């Protein structure tokens, strides 16, 4: 049985505001890796940034708080929405990646 420090959780997110062209994806990835959070992040055609996070609850909440209140240095966060945080038995992702729109024909980093 996992201890509270080992339990894994996941949630999705969408961040609204001036969040594209301000290094938001790169900063999100850096913070996630620093906090041992796995998942992905990408821009949308709606001008938002979306993604999925997974990790222990304290580390997941650290990244969620940053997405909600801070963002990258030049970002202007209007608000962020999160799917309900739910417990998962194992990691789905091996790391934290920046994804790109398939229509732009760029590879996933």
PDB file of N, CA and C in Angstrom:
ATOM      1  N   UNK A   1       0.848  -1.201   0.000  1.00  0.00           N
ATOM      2  CA  UNK A   1       0.000   0.000   0.000  1.00  0.00           C
ATOM      3  C   UNK A   1       0.881   1.247   0.000  1.00  0.00           C
ATOM      4  N   UNK A   2       0.468   2.216  -0.791  1.00  0.00           N
ATOM      5  CA  UNK A   2       1.251   3.450  -0.902  1.00  0.00           C
ATOM      6  C   UNK A   2       0.988   4.373   0.280  1.00  0.00           C
ATOM      7  N   UNK A   3       2.042   5.080   0.697  1.00  0.00           N
ATOM      8  CA  UNK A   3       1.856   6.106   1.716  1.00  0.00           C
ATOM      9  C   UNK A   3       1.311   7.361   1.046  1.00  0.00           C
ATOM     10  N   UNK A   4       0.888   8.324   1.835  1.00  0.00           N
ATOM     11  CA  UNK A   4       0.336   9.574   1.283  1.00  0.00           C
ATOM     12  C   UNK A   4       1.355  10.279   0.397  1.00  0.00           C
ATOM     13  N   UNK A   5       2.643  10.157   0.730  1.00  0.00           N
ATOM     14  CA  UNK A   5       3.691  10.802  -0.068  1.00  0.00           C
ATOM     15  C   UNK A   5       3.937  10.090  -1.386  1.00  0.00           C
ATOM     16  N   UNK A   6       3.455   8.857  -1.528  1.00  0.00           N
ATOM     17  CA  UNK A   6       3.679   8.080  -2.738  1.00  0.00           C
ATOM     18  C   UNK A   6       2.452   7.998  -3.637  1.00  0.00           C
ATOM     19  N   UNK A   7       1.275   8.335  -3.127  1.00  0.00           N
ATOM     20  CA  UNK A   7       0.048   8.249  -3.923  1.00  0.00           C
ATOM     21  C   UNK A   7       0.141   9.182  -5.121  1.00  0.00           C
ATOM     22  N   UNK A   8      -0.312   8.717  -6.264  1.00  0.00           N
ATOM     23  CA  UNK A   8      -0.267   9.495  -7.499  1.00  0.00           C
ATOM     24  C   UNK A   8      -1.640  10.036  -7.846  1.00  0.00           C
ATOM     25  N   UNK A   9      -1.640  11.247  -8.381  1.00  0.00           N
ATOM     26  CA  UNK A   9      -2.878  11.905  -8.783  1.00  0.00           C
ATOM     27  C   UNK A   9      -2.701  12.515 -10.166  1.00  0.00           C
ATOM     28  N   UNK A  10      -3.810  12.774 -10.831  1.00  0.00           N
ATOM     29  CA  UNK A  10      -3.777  13.389 -12.152  1.00  0.00           C
ATOM     30  C   UNK A  10      -4.893  14.406 -12.287  1.00  0.00           C
ATOM     31  N   UNK A  11      -4.686  15.373 -13.170  1.00  0.00           N
ATOM     32  CA  UNK A  11      -5.736  16.318 -13.541  1.00  0.00           C
ATOM     33  C   UNK A  11      -5.346  16.975 -14.861  1.00  0.00           C
ATOM     34  N   UNK A  12      -6.338  17.480 -15.560  1.00  0.00           N
ATOM     35  CA  UNK A  12      -6.112  18.257 -16.764  1.00  0.00           C
ATOM     36  C   UNK A  12      -6.220  19.734 -16.435  1.00  0.00           C
ATOM     37  N   UNK A  13      -5.711  20.570 -17.333  1.00  0.00           N
ATOM     38  CA  UNK A  13      -5.802  22.009 -17.085  1.00  0.00           C
ATOM     39  C   UNK A  13      -5.931  22.763 -18.401  1.00  0.00           C
ATOM     40  N   UNK A  14      -6.474  23.980 -18.289  1.00  0.00           N
ATOM     41  CA  UNK A  14      -6.498  24.945 -19.388  1.00  0.00           C
ATOM     42  C   UNK A  14      -6.268  26.314 -18.781  1.00  0.00           C
ATOM     43  N   UNK A  15      -5.311  27.045 -19.340  1.00  0.00           N
ATOM     44  CA  UNK A  15      -4.955  28.362 -18.821  1.00  0.00           C
ATOM     45  C   UNK A  15      -5.347  29.411 -19.854  1.00  0.00           C
ATOM     46  N   UNK A  16      -6.036  30.447 -19.392  1.00  0.00           N
ATOM     47  CA  UNK A  16      -6.566  31.513 -20.241  1.00  0.00           C
ATOM     48  C   UNK A  16      -5.842  32.817 -19.953  1.00  0.00           C
ATOM     49  N   UNK A  17      -5.744  33.665 -20.970  1.00  0.00           N
ATOM     50  CA  UNK A  17      -5.097  34.969 -20.835  1.00  0.00           C
ATOM     51  C   UNK A  17      -4.075  35.135 -21.937  1.00  0.00           C
ATOM     52  N   UNK A  18      -3.054  35.924 -21.672  1.00  0.00           N
ATOM     53  CA  UNK A  18      -1.953  36.075 -22.617  1.00  0.00           C
ATOM     54  C   UNK A  18      -0.926  35.006 -22.274  1.00  0.00           C
ATOM     55  N   UNK A  19      -1.132  33.805 -22.854  1.00  0.00           N
ATOM     56  CA  UNK A  19      -0.331  32.647 -22.464  1.00  0.00           C
ATOM     57  C   UNK A  19       0.385  31.992 -23.645  1.00  0.00           C
ATOM     58  N   UNK A  20       0.250  32.554 -24.818  1.00  0.00           N
ATOM     59  CA  UNK A  20       0.978  32.030 -25.973  1.00  0.00           C
ATOM     60  C   UNK A  20       1.998  33.057 -26.427  1.00  0.00           C
ATOM     61  N   UNK A  21       3.150  32.574 -26.862  1.00  0.00           N
ATOM     62  CA  UNK A  21       4.220  33.472 -27.287  1.00  0.00           C
ATOM     63  C   UNK A  21       4.950  34.117 -26.124  1.00  0.00           C
ATOM     64  N   UNK A  22       4.787  33.550 -24.931  1.00  0.00           N
ATOM     65  CA  UNK A  22       5.428  34.108 -23.737  1.00  0.00           C
ATOM     66  C   UNK A  22       6.191  33.023 -22.966  1.00  0.00           C
ATOM     67  N   UNK A  23       6.567  31.958 -23.657  1.00  0.00           N
ATOM     68  CA  UNK A  23       7.338  30.853 -23.094  1.00  0.00           C
ATOM     69  C   UNK A  23       6.595  30.084 -22.008  1.00  0.00           C
ATOM     70  N   UNK A  24       5.273  30.082 -22.099  1.00  0.00           N
ATOM     71  CA  UNK A  24       4.457  29.407 -21.087  1.00  0.00           C
ATOM     72  C   UNK A  24       4.674  27.898 -21.100  1.00  0.00           C
ATOM     73  N   UNK A  25       4.720  27.298 -22.274  1.00  0.00           N
ATOM     74  CA  UNK A  25       4.890  25.843 -22.337  1.00  0.00           C
ATOM     75  C   UNK A  25       6.245  25.439 -21.765  1.00  0.00           C
ATOM     76  N   UNK A  26       7.289  26.152 -22.140  1.00  0.00           N
ATOM     77  CA  UNK A  26       8.629  25.823 -21.663  1.00  0.00           C
ATOM     78  C   UNK A  26       8.725  26.010 -20.148  1.00  0.00           C
ATOM     79  N   UNK A  27       8.157  27.069 -19.636  1.00  0.00           N
ATOM     80  CA  UNK A  27       8.194  27.322 -18.194  1.00  0.00           C
ATOM     81  C   UNK A  27       7.374  26.279 -17.437  1.00  0.00           C
ATOM     82  N   UNK A  28       6.246  25.877 -18.013  1.00  0.00           N
ATOM     83  CA  UNK A  28       5.428  24.833 -17.381  1.00  0.00           C
ATOM     84  C   UNK A  28       6.211  23.535 -17.314  1.00  0.00           C
ATOM     85  N   UNK A  29       6.852  23.187 -18.415  1.00  0.00           N
ATOM     86  CA  UNK A  29       7.648  21.955 -18.452  1.00  0.00           C
ATOM     87  C   UNK A  29       8.781  22.028 -17.419  1.00  0.00           C
ATOM     88  N   UNK A  30       9.473  23.137 -17.335  1.00  0.00           N
ATOM     89  CA  UNK A  30      10.581  23.281 -16.383  1.00  0.00           C
ATOM     90  C   UNK A  30      10.108  23.111 -14.943  1.00  0.00           C
ATOM     91  N   UNK A  31       9.005  23.762 -14.600  1.00  0.00           N
ATOM     92  CA  UNK A  31       8.478  23.661 -13.238  1.00  0.00           C
ATOM     93  C   UNK A  31       7.998  22.243 -12.951  1.00  0.00           C
ATOM     94  N   UNK A  32       7.342  21.626 -13.915  1.00  0.00           N
ATOM     95  CA  UNK A  32       6.863  20.252 -13.720  1.00  0.00           C
ATOM     96  C   UNK A  32       8.042  19.308 -13.473  1.00  0.00           C
ATOM     97  N   UNK A  33       9.086  19.420 -14.289  1.00  0.00           N
ATOM     98  CA  UNK A  33      10.251  18.559 -14.108  1.00  0.00           C
ATOM     99  C   UNK A  33      10.927  18.804 -12.765  1.00  0.00           C
ATOM    100  N   UNK A  34      11.010  20.052 -12.358  1.00  0.00           N
ATOM    101  CA  UNK A  34      11.597  20.397 -11.071  1.00  0.00           C
ATOM    102  C   UNK A  34      10.823  19.746  -9.925  1.00  0.00           C
ATOM    103  N   UNK A  35       9.514  19.621 -10.095  1.00  0.00           N
ATOM    104  CA  UNK A  35       8.646  19.057  -9.067  1.00  0.00           C
ATOM    105  C   UNK A  35       8.326  17.579  -9.281  1.00  0.00           C
ATOM    106  N   UNK A  36       9.022  16.949 -10.229  1.00  0.00           N
ATOM    107  CA  UNK A  36       8.821  15.528 -10.527  1.00  0.00           C
ATOM    108  C   UNK A  36       7.374  15.225 -10.924  1.00  0.00           C
ATOM    109  N   UNK A  37       6.765  16.159 -11.644  1.00  0.00           N
ATOM    110  CA  UNK A  37       5.413  15.987 -12.170  1.00  0.00           C
ATOM    111  C   UNK A  37       5.541  15.594 -13.641  1.00  0.00           C
ATOM    112  N   UNK A  38       4.781  14.605 -14.040  1.00  0.00           N
ATOM    113  CA  UNK A  38       4.797  14.132 -15.423  1.00  0.00           C
ATOM    114  C   UNK A  38       3.554  14.615 -16.146  1.00  0.00           C
ATOM    115  N   UNK A  39       3.563  14.516 -17.495  1.00  0.00           N
ATOM    116  CA  UNK A  39       2.397  14.907 -18.277  1.00  0.00           C
ATOM    117  C   UNK A  39       2.805  15.594 -19.555  1.00  0.00           C
ATOM    118  N   UNK A  40       2.020  16.597 -19.944  1.00  0.00           N
ATOM    119  CA  UNK A  40       2.293  17.319 -21.191  1.00  0.00           C
ATOM    120  C   UNK A  40       1.607  18.681 -21.157  1.00  0.00           C
ATOM    121  N   UNK A  41       2.019  19.543 -22.112  1.00  0.00           N
ATOM    122  CA  UNK A  41       1.449  20.881 -22.263  1.00  0.00           C
ATOM    123  C   UNK A  41       1.463  21.229 -23.746  1.00  0.00           C
ATOM    124  N   UNK A  42       0.465  21.999 -24.204  1.00  0.00           N
ATOM    125  CA  UNK A  42       0.451  22.465 -25.592  1.00  0.00           C
ATOM    126  C   UNK A  42      -0.430  23.692 -25.741  1.00  0.00           C
ATOM    127  N   UNK A  43      -0.173  24.466 -26.809  1.00  0.00           N
ATOM    128  CA  UNK A  43      -1.023  25.594 -27.174  1.00  0.00           C
ATOM    129  C   UNK A  43      -2.265  25.069 -27.881  1.00  0.00           C
ATOM    130  N   UNK A  44      -3.340  25.869 -27.836  1.00  0.00           N
ATOM    131  CA  UNK A  44      -4.554  25.541 -28.580  1.00  0.00           C
ATOM    132  C   UNK A  44      -4.813  26.608 -29.625  1.00  0.00           C
ATOM    133  N   UNK A  45      -5.712  26.313 -30.535  1.00  0.00           N
ATOM    134  CA  UNK A  45      -6.136  27.299 -31.528  1.00  0.00           C
ATOM    135  C   UNK A  45      -6.977  28.408 -30.899  1.00  0.00           C
ATOM    136  N   UNK A  46      -7.434  28.207 -29.667  1.00  0.00           N
ATOM    137  CA  UNK A  46      -8.258  29.197 -28.950  1.00  0.00           C
ATOM    138  C   UNK A  46      -7.408  30.233 -28.209  1.00  0.00           C
ATOM    139  N   UNK A  47      -6.074  30.081 -28.291  1.00  0.00           N
ATOM    140  CA  UNK A  47      -5.200  31.023 -27.593  1.00  0.00           C
ATOM    141  C   UNK A  47      -4.942  30.647 -26.151  1.00  0.00           C
ATOM    142  N   UNK A  48      -5.306  29.434 -25.772  1.00  0.00           N
ATOM    143  CA  UNK A  48      -5.073  28.960 -24.410  1.00  0.00           C
ATOM    144  C   UNK A  48      -3.935  27.948 -24.407  1.00  0.00           C
ATOM    145  N   UNK A  49      -3.569  27.521 -23.224  1.00  0.00           N
ATOM    146  CA  UNK A  49      -2.594  26.453 -23.034  1.00  0.00           C
ATOM    147  C   UNK A  49      -3.296  25.347 -22.265  1.00  0.00           C
ATOM    148  N   UNK A  50      -3.192  24.115 -22.767  1.00  0.00           N
ATOM    149  CA  UNK A  50      -3.823  22.980 -22.106  1.00  0.00           C
ATOM    150  C   UNK A  50      -2.768  21.935 -21.766  1.00  0.00           C
ATOM    151  N   UNK A  51      -3.151  21.000 -20.908  1.00  0.00           N
ATOM    152  CA  UNK A  51      -2.234  19.919 -20.592  1.00  0.00           C
ATOM    153  C   UNK A  51      -2.797  18.980 -19.566  1.00  0.00           C
ATOM    154  N   UNK A  52      -1.943  18.065 -19.170  1.00  0.00           N
ATOM    155  CA  UNK A  52      -2.299  17.068 -18.168  1.00  0.00           C
ATOM    156  C   UNK A  52      -1.115  16.924 -17.218  1.00  0.00           C
ATOM    157  N   UNK A  53      -1.427  16.790 -15.940  1.00  0.00           N
ATOM    158  CA  UNK A  53      -0.405  16.658 -14.904  1.00  0.00           C
ATOM    159  C   UNK A  53      -0.612  15.358 -14.150  1.00  0.00           C
ATOM    160  N   UNK A  54       0.472  14.747 -13.697  1.00  0.00           N
ATOM    161  CA  UNK A  54       0.368  13.609 -12.780  1.00  0.00           C
ATOM    162  C   UNK A  54       1.573  13.576 -11.868  1.00  0.00           C
ATOM    163  N   UNK A  55       1.299  13.310 -10.603  1.00  0.00           N
ATOM    164  CA  UNK A  55       2.354  13.262  -9.605  1.00  0.00           C
ATOM    165  C   UNK A  55       1.747  13.146  -8.224  1.00  0.00           C
ATOM    166  N   UNK A  56       2.582  13.285  -7.195  1.00  0.00           N
ATOM    167  CA  UNK A  56       2.049  13.262  -5.836  1.00  0.00           C
ATOM    168  C   UNK A  56       1.230  14.535  -5.617  1.00  0.00           C
ATOM    169  N   UNK A  57       0.299  14.478  -4.680  1.00  0.00           N
ATOM    170  CA  UNK A  57      -0.623  15.601  -4.495  1.00  0.00           C
ATOM    171  C   UNK A  57       0.085  16.915  -4.149  1.00  0.00           C
ATOM    172  N   UNK A  58       1.050  16.935  -3.232  1.00  0.00           N
ATOM    173  CA  UNK A  58       1.714  18.220  -2.943  1.00  0.00           C
ATOM    174  C   UNK A  58       2.417  18.809  -4.168  1.00  0.00           C
ATOM    175  N   UNK A  59       3.084  17.969  -4.939  1.00  0.00           N
ATOM    176  CA  UNK A  59       3.799  18.460  -6.113  1.00  0.00           C
ATOM    177  C   UNK A  59       2.840  18.868  -7.227  1.00  0.00           C
ATOM    178  N   UNK A  60       1.765  18.108  -7.386  1.00  0.00           N
ATOM    179  CA  UNK A  60       0.731  18.457  -8.364  1.00  0.00           C
ATOM    180  C   UNK A  60       0.122  19.817  -8.010  1.00  0.00           C
ATOM    181  N   UNK A  61      -0.166  20.004  -6.735  1.00  0.00           N
ATOM    182  CA  UNK A  61      -0.767  21.268  -6.293  1.00  0.00           C
ATOM    183  C   UNK A  61       0.175  22.453  -6.462  1.00  0.00           C
ATOM    184  N   UNK A  62       1.471  22.225  -6.337  1.00  0.00           N
ATOM    185  CA  UNK A  62       2.448  23.297  -6.568  1.00  0.00           C
ATOM    186  C   UNK A  62       2.365  23.785  -8.005  1.00  0.00           C
ATOM    187  N   UNK A  63       2.314  22.850  -8.944  1.00  0.00           N
ATOM    188  CA  UNK A  63       2.232  23.228 -10.362  1.00  0.00           C
ATOM    189  C   UNK A  63       0.881  23.870 -10.663  1.00  0.00           C
ATOM    190  N   UNK A  64      -0.202  23.330 -10.112  1.00  0.00           N
ATOM    191  CA  UNK A  64      -1.533  23.909 -10.328  1.00  0.00           C
ATOM    192  C   UNK A  64      -1.589  25.356  -9.828  1.00  0.00           C
ATOM    193  N   UNK A  65      -1.046  25.609  -8.644  1.00  0.00           N
ATOM    194  CA  UNK A  65      -1.049  26.962  -8.084  1.00  0.00           C
ATOM    195  C   UNK A  65      -0.284  27.925  -8.979  1.00  0.00           C
ATOM    196  N   UNK A  66       0.875  27.483  -9.485  1.00  0.00           N
ATOM    197  CA  UNK A  66       1.672  28.310 -10.390  1.00  0.00           C
ATOM    198  C   UNK A  66       0.897  28.610 -11.677  1.00  0.00           C
ATOM    199  N   UNK A  67       0.233  27.591 -12.245  1.00  0.00           N
ATOM    200  CA  UNK A  67      -0.574  27.802 -13.460  1.00  0.00           C
ATOM    201  C   UNK A  67      -1.710  28.791 -13.210  1.00  0.00           C
ATOM    202  N   UNK A  68      -2.307  28.721 -12.048  1.00  0.00           N
ATOM    203  CA  UNK A  68      -3.443  29.576 -11.704  1.00  0.00           C
ATOM    204  C   UNK A  68      -3.029  31.014 -11.387  1.00  0.00           C
ATOM    205  N   UNK A  69      -1.893  31.178 -10.728  1.00  0.00           N
ATOM    206  CA  UNK A  69      -1.534  32.500 -10.198  1.00  0.00           C
ATOM    207  C   UNK A  69      -0.360  33.199 -10.865  1.00  0.00           C
ATOM    208  N   UNK A  70       0.544  32.453 -11.485  1.00  0.00           N
ATOM    209  CA  UNK A  70       1.773  33.062 -11.973  1.00  0.00           C
ATOM    210  C   UNK A  70       2.027  32.861 -13.463  1.00  0.00           C
ATOM    211  N   UNK A  71       2.273  31.643 -13.870  1.00  0.00           N
ATOM    212  CA  UNK A  71       2.646  31.385 -15.252  1.00  0.00           C
ATOM    213  C   UNK A  71       4.052  31.869 -15.539  1.00  0.00           C
ATOM    214  N   UNK A  72       4.406  31.858 -16.798  1.00  0.00           N
ATOM    215  CA  UNK A  72       5.756  32.303 -17.177  1.00  0.00           C
ATOM    216  C   UNK A  72       5.914  33.794 -16.898  1.00  0.00           C
ATOM    217  N   UNK A  73       7.149  34.256 -16.968  1.00  0.00           N
ATOM    218  CA  UNK A  73       7.463  35.638 -16.589  1.00  0.00           C
ATOM    219  C   UNK A  73       6.635  36.683 -17.338  1.00  0.00           C
ATOM    220  N   UNK A  74       6.394  36.457 -18.642  1.00  0.00           N
ATOM    221  CA  UNK A  74       5.664  37.438 -19.440  1.00  0.00           C
ATOM    222  C   UNK A  74       4.179  37.100 -19.622  1.00  0.00           C
ATOM    223  N   UNK A  75       3.736  35.985 -19.067  1.00  0.00           N
ATOM    224  CA  UNK A  75       2.326  35.591 -19.201  1.00  0.00           C
ATOM    225  C   UNK A  75       1.436  36.491 -18.352  1.00  0.00           C
ATOM    226  N   UNK A  76       0.201  36.667 -18.826  1.00  0.00           N
ATOM    227  CA  UNK A  76      -0.826  37.351 -18.054  1.00  0.00           C
ATOM    228  C   UNK A  76      -1.969  36.343 -17.901  1.00  0.00           C
ATOM    229  N   UNK A  77      -2.079  35.768 -16.712  1.00  0.00           N
ATOM    230  CA  UNK A  77      -3.074  34.737 -16.454  1.00  0.00           C
ATOM    231  C   UNK A  77      -4.406  35.399 -16.107  1.00  0.00           C
ATOM    232  N   UNK A  78      -5.438  35.113 -16.897  1.00  0.00           N
ATOM    233  CA  UNK A  78      -6.787  35.578 -16.558  1.00  0.00           C
ATOM    234  C   UNK A  78      -7.446  34.601 -15.602  1.00  0.00           C
ATOM    235  N   UNK A  79      -7.408  33.323 -15.964  1.00  0.00           N
ATOM    236  CA  UNK A  79      -7.872  32.272 -15.065  1.00  0.00           C
ATOM    237  C   UNK A  79      -7.425  30.921 -15.597  1.00  0.00           C
ATOM    238  N   UNK A  80      -7.545  29.920 -14.761  1.00  0.00           N
ATOM    239  CA  UNK A  80      -7.194  28.555 -15.154  1.00  0.00           C
ATOM    240  C   UNK A  80      -8.323  27.637 -14.694  1.00  0.00           C
ATOM    241  N   UNK A  81      -8.569  26.621 -15.495  1.00  0.00           N
ATOM    242  CA  UNK A  81      -9.594  25.625 -15.164  1.00  0.00           C
ATOM    243  C   UNK A  81      -8.911  24.271 -15.064  1.00  0.00           C
ATOM    244  N   UNK A  82      -9.361  23.470 -14.120  1.00  0.00           N
ATOM    245  CA  UNK A  82      -8.781  22.158 -13.892  1.00  0.00           C
ATOM    246  C   UNK A  82      -9.878  21.104 -13.858  1.00  0.00           C
ATOM    247  N   UNK A  83      -9.576  19.938 -14.402  1.00  0.00           N
ATOM    248  CA  UNK A  83     -10.497  18.813 -14.248  1.00  0.00           C
ATOM    249  C   UNK A  83     -10.346  18.330 -12.810  1.00  0.00           C
ATOM    250  N   UNK A  84     -11.325  17.579 -12.305  1.00  0.00           N
ATOM    251  CA  UNK A  84     -11.189  17.072 -10.931  1.00  0.00           C
ATOM    252  C   UNK A  84      -9.904  16.240 -10.780  1.00  0.00           C
ATOM    253  N   UNK A  85      -9.212  16.456  -9.678  1.00  0.00           N
ATOM    254  CA  UNK A  85      -8.014  15.684  -9.382  1.00  0.00           C
ATOM    255  C   UNK A  85      -8.449  14.307  -8.918  1.00  0.00           C
ATOM    256  N   UNK A  86      -7.869  13.270  -9.543  1.00  0.00           N
ATOM    257  CA  UNK A  86      -8.257  11.913  -9.152  1.00  0.00           C
ATOM    258  C   UNK A  86      -7.013  11.065  -8.940  1.00  0.00           C
ATOM    259  N   UNK A  87      -7.132  10.098  -8.060  1.00  0.00           N
ATOM    260  CA  UNK A  87      -6.015   9.202  -7.776  1.00  0.00           C
ATOM    261  C   UNK A  87      -5.850   8.204  -8.911  1.00  0.00           C
ATOM    262  N   UNK A  88      -4.588   7.885  -9.218  1.00  0.00           N
ATOM    263  CA  UNK A  88      -4.272   6.890 -10.239  1.00  0.00           C
ATOM    264  C   UNK A  88      -3.315   5.859  -9.631  1.00  0.00           C
ATOM    265  N   UNK A  89      -3.346   4.624 -10.124  1.00  0.00           N
ATOM    266  CA  UNK A  89      -2.482   3.589  -9.531  1.00  0.00           C
ATOM    267  C   UNK A  89      -1.013   3.688  -9.973  1.00  0.00           C
ATOM    268  N   UNK A  90      -0.780   4.091 -11.214  1.00  0.00           N
ATOM    269  CA  UNK A  90       0.585   4.185 -11.761  1.00  0.00           C
ATOM    270  C   UNK A  90       0.659   5.354 -12.721  1.00  0.00           C
ATOM    271  N   UNK A  91       1.880   5.777 -13.003  1.00  0.00           N
ATOM    272  CA  UNK A  91       2.083   6.846 -13.983  1.00  0.00           C
ATOM    273  C   UNK A  91       1.655   6.392 -15.372  1.00  0.00           C
ATOM    274  N   UNK A  92       1.034   7.284 -16.110  1.00  0.00           N
ATOM    275  CA  UNK A  92       0.698   7.064 -17.514  1.00  0.00           C
ATOM    276  C   UNK A  92       1.816   7.603 -18.417  1.00  0.00           C
ATOM    277  N   UNK A  93       2.523   8.624 -17.950  1.00  0.00           N
ATOM    278  CA  UNK A  93       3.566   9.289 -18.725  1.00  0.00           C
ATOM    279  C   UNK A  93       4.945   8.984 -18.148  1.00  0.00           C
ATOM    280  N   UNK A  94       5.954   8.975 -19.027  1.00  0.00           N
ATOM    281  CA  UNK A  94       7.333   8.735 -18.602  1.00  0.00           C
ATOM    282  C   UNK A  94       8.054  10.017 -18.215  1.00  0.00           C
ATOM    283  N   UNK A  95       7.547  11.165 -18.690  1.00  0.00           N
ATOM    284  CA  UNK A  95       8.218  12.440 -18.462  1.00  0.00           C
ATOM    285  C   UNK A  95       7.201  13.564 -18.623  1.00  0.00           C
ATOM    286  N   UNK A  96       7.682  14.782 -18.814  1.00  0.00           N
ATOM    287  CA  UNK A  96       6.794  15.912 -19.109  1.00  0.00           C
ATOM    288  C   UNK A  96       7.213  16.476 -20.457  1.00  0.00           C
ATOM    289  N   UNK A  97       6.278  16.513 -21.393  1.00  0.00           N
ATOM    290  CA  UNK A  97       6.620  16.917 -22.758  1.00  0.00           C
ATOM    291  C   UNK A  97       5.807  18.122 -23.215  1.00  0.00           C
ATOM    292  N   UNK A  98       6.359  18.795 -24.199  1.00  0.00           N
ATOM    293  CA  UNK A  98       5.650  19.851 -24.909  1.00  0.00           C
ATOM    294  C   UNK A  98       5.092  19.207 -26.167  1.00  0.00           C
ATOM    295  N   UNK A  99       3.795  19.311 -26.327  1.00  0.00           N
ATOM    296  CA  UNK A  99       3.151  18.765 -27.524  1.00  0.00           C
ATOM    297  C   UNK A  99       2.843  19.906 -28.481  1.00  0.00           C
ATOM    298  N   UNK A 100       2.749  19.533 -29.771  1.00  0.00           N
ATOM    299  CA  UNK A 100       2.446  20.505 -30.804  1.00  0.00           C
ATOM    300  C   UNK A 100       1.212  20.061 -31.570  1.00  0.00           C
ATOM    301  N   UNK A 101       0.508  21.015 -32.133  1.00  0.00           N
ATOM    302  CA  UNK A 101      -0.674  20.759 -32.933  1.00  0.00           C
ATOM    303  C   UNK A 101      -0.301  19.872 -34.116  1.00  0.00           C
ATOM    304  N   UNK A 102      -1.008  18.780 -34.279  1.00  0.00           N
ATOM    305  CA  UNK A 102      -0.727  17.841 -35.381  1.00  0.00           C
ATOM    306  C   UNK A 102      -0.871  18.520 -36.738  1.00  0.00           C
ATOM    307  N   UNK A 103      -1.718  19.515 -36.843  1.00  0.00           N
ATOM    308  CA  UNK A 103      -1.927  20.219 -38.108  1.00  0.00           C
ATOM    309  C   UNK A 103      -0.700  21.043 -38.512  1.00  0.00           C
ATOM    310  N   UNK A 104       0.135  21.374 -37.541  1.00  0.00           N
ATOM    311  CA  UNK A 104       1.343  22.160 -37.833  1.00  0.00           C
ATOM    312  C   UNK A 104       2.507  21.269 -38.206  1.00  0.00           C
ATOM    313  N   UNK A 105       2.307  19.954 -38.129  1.00  0.00           N
ATOM    314  CA  UNK A 105       3.309  18.957 -38.541  1.00  0.00           C
ATOM    315  C   UNK A 105       4.616  19.065 -37.764  1.00  0.00           C
ATOM    316  N   UNK A 106       4.532  19.434 -36.500  1.00  0.00           N
ATOM    317  CA  UNK A 106       5.730  19.482 -35.668  1.00  0.00           C
ATOM    318  C   UNK A 106       5.749  18.249 -34.768  1.00  0.00           C
ATOM    319  N   UNK A 107       6.919  17.773 -34.487  1.00  0.00           N
ATOM    320  CA  UNK A 107       7.059  16.590 -33.648  1.00  0.00           C
ATOM    321  C   UNK A 107       6.847  16.918 -32.185  1.00  0.00           C
ATOM    322  N   UNK A 108       6.435  15.934 -31.438  1.00  0.00           N
ATOM    323  CA  UNK A 108       6.316  16.076 -29.991  1.00  0.00           C
ATOM    324  C   UNK A 108       7.718  16.047 -29.416  1.00  0.00           C
ATOM    325  N   UNK A 109       8.025  17.004 -28.557  1.00  0.00           N
ATOM    326  CA  UNK A 109       9.355  17.092 -27.941  1.00  0.00           C
ATOM    327  C   UNK A 109       9.394  16.179 -26.739  1.00  0.00           C
TER     328      UNK A 109
END
